[in-house]
C-alpha atoms as a PDB file:
ATOM      1  CA  MET A   1     -55.701  69.609  46.774  1.00  0.00           C
ATOM      2  CA  ILE A   2     -56.144  66.417  44.847  1.00  0.00           C
ATOM      3  CA  ASP A   3     -52.593  64.183  45.048  1.00  0.00           C
ATOM      4  CA  TYR A   4     -52.731  63.668  41.312  1.00  0.00           C
ATOM      5  CA  PRO A   5     -48.989  62.387  40.822  1.00  0.00           C
ATOM      6  CA  THR A   6     -49.193  59.945  44.054  1.00  0.00           C
ATOM      7  CA  MET A   7     -52.796  58.674  42.313  1.00  0.00           C
ATOM      8  CA  TYR A   8     -51.174  57.909  39.296  1.00  0.00           C
ATOM      9  CA  ARG A   9     -48.116  56.179  40.405  1.00  0.00           C
ATOM     10  CA  LYS A  10     -50.237  54.484  42.943  1.00  0.00           C
ATOM     11  CA  LEU A  11     -52.787  52.999  39.914  1.00  0.00           C
ATOM     12  CA  PHE A  12     -49.593  52.684  37.791  1.00  0.00           C
ATOM     13  CA  ASN A  13     -47.958  50.045  39.806  1.00  0.00           C
ATOM     14  CA  ALA A  14     -50.953  47.903  40.557  1.00  0.00           C
ATOM     15  CA  GLN A  15     -51.498  47.593  37.076  1.00  0.00           C
ATOM     16  CA  THR A  16     -47.763  47.001  36.549  1.00  0.00           C
ATOM     17  CA  ASP A  17     -47.876  44.093  39.591  1.00  0.00           C
ATOM     18  CA  ALA A  18     -51.365  43.118  37.947  1.00  0.00           C
ATOM     19  CA  VAL A  19     -49.618  42.284  34.227  1.00  0.00           C
ATOM     20  CA  GLU A  20     -46.657  40.471  35.507  1.00  0.00           C
ATOM     21  CA  ALA A  21     -48.981  38.709  37.638  1.00  0.00           C
ATOM     22  CA  LEU A  22     -50.397  37.108  34.156  1.00  0.00           C
ATOM     23  CA  GLN A  23     -47.286  37.202  32.702  1.00  0.00           C
ATOM     24  CA  LYS A  24     -45.750  34.675  34.766  1.00  0.00           C
ATOM     25  CA  ILE A  25     -49.696  32.624  34.906  1.00  0.00           C
ATOM     26  CA  VAL A  26     -49.231  32.350  31.254  1.00  0.00           C
ATOM     27  CA  GLU A  27     -45.511  30.740  31.102  1.00  0.00           C
ATOM     28  CA  LYS A  28     -47.156  28.467  34.008  1.00  0.00           C
ATOM     29  CA  LEU A  29     -49.892  27.379  32.117  1.00  0.00           C
ATOM     30  CA  ILE A  30     -47.502  26.577  28.860  1.00  0.00           C
ATOM     31  CA  GLU A  31     -44.869  25.403  31.016  1.00  0.00           C
ATOM     32  CA  VAL A  32     -47.568  23.149  32.268  1.00  0.00           C
ATOM     33  CA  GLN A  33     -49.197  22.103  28.553  1.00  0.00           C
ATOM     34  CA  ARG A  34     -45.896  20.938  27.468  1.00  0.00           C
ATOM     35  CA  GLN A  35     -45.795  18.764  30.357  1.00  0.00           C
ATOM     36  CA  THR A  36     -48.859  17.067  29.672  1.00  0.00           C
ATOM     37  CA  GLU A  37     -48.225  16.793  25.817  1.00  0.00           C
ATOM     38  CA  GLU A  38     -45.034  15.178  26.045  1.00  0.00           C
ATOM     39  CA  LEU A  39     -46.255  12.497  29.102  1.00  0.00           C
ATOM     40  CA  TYR A  40     -49.381  12.089  26.287  1.00  0.00           C
ATOM     41  CA  ILE A  41     -46.481  11.287  24.073  1.00  0.00           C
ATOM     42  CA  CYS A  42     -44.860   9.255  25.610  1.00  0.00           C
ATOM     43  CA  ALA A  43     -47.454   7.121  26.683  1.00  0.00           C
ATOM     44  CA  SER A  44     -47.327   3.393  25.308  1.00  0.00           C
ATOM     45  CA  GLU A  45     -50.715   3.502  24.030  1.00  0.00           C
ATOM     46  CA  THR A  46     -50.563   6.372  22.115  1.00  0.00           C
ATOM     47  CA  GLU A  47     -51.683   6.566  18.770  1.00  0.00           C
ATOM     48  CA  LEU A  48     -51.187   9.162  16.589  1.00  0.00           C
ATOM     49  CA  THR A  49     -53.548   9.079  12.950  1.00  0.00           C
ATOM     50  CA  ILE A  50     -52.384  12.338  10.591  1.00  0.00           C
ATOM     51  CA  LEU A  51     -56.145  13.209   9.078  1.00  0.00           C
ATOM     52  CA  LYS A  52     -55.803  14.848   5.474  1.00  0.00           C
ATOM     53  CA  ALA A  53     -57.593  18.480   5.862  1.00  0.00           C
ATOM     54  CA  LYS A  54     -60.821  18.650   3.667  1.00  0.00           C
ATOM     55  CA  GLU A  55     -60.266  21.351   1.000  1.00  0.00           C
ATOM     56  CA  ASN A  56     -63.380  23.832   1.460  1.00  0.00           C
ATOM     57  CA  LYS A  57     -63.265  26.563  -1.123  1.00  0.00           C
ATOM     58  CA  SER A  58     -65.617  28.605   0.676  1.00  0.00           C
ATOM     59  CA  ASN A  59     -63.108  29.394   3.782  1.00  0.00           C
ATOM     60  CA  PHE A  60     -60.834  30.677   1.278  1.00  0.00           C
ATOM     61  CA  HIS A  61     -60.344  34.499   0.469  1.00  0.00           C
ATOM     62  CA  GLU A  62     -59.325  35.315  -3.055  1.00  0.00           C
END
């Protein structure tokens, strides 16, 4: 007889492990992005330029 509860429990556990691993990867990538942005901002040669957005009425939904 097929043991469906064991099969589904095994599948569920593997999916849960995969989701947790992906969440840790996302958290790590966000942290590294913050660190590199901080390095960029703190660099002595950094020059920030604020650009004005160009109005394009075709991008607005009425």
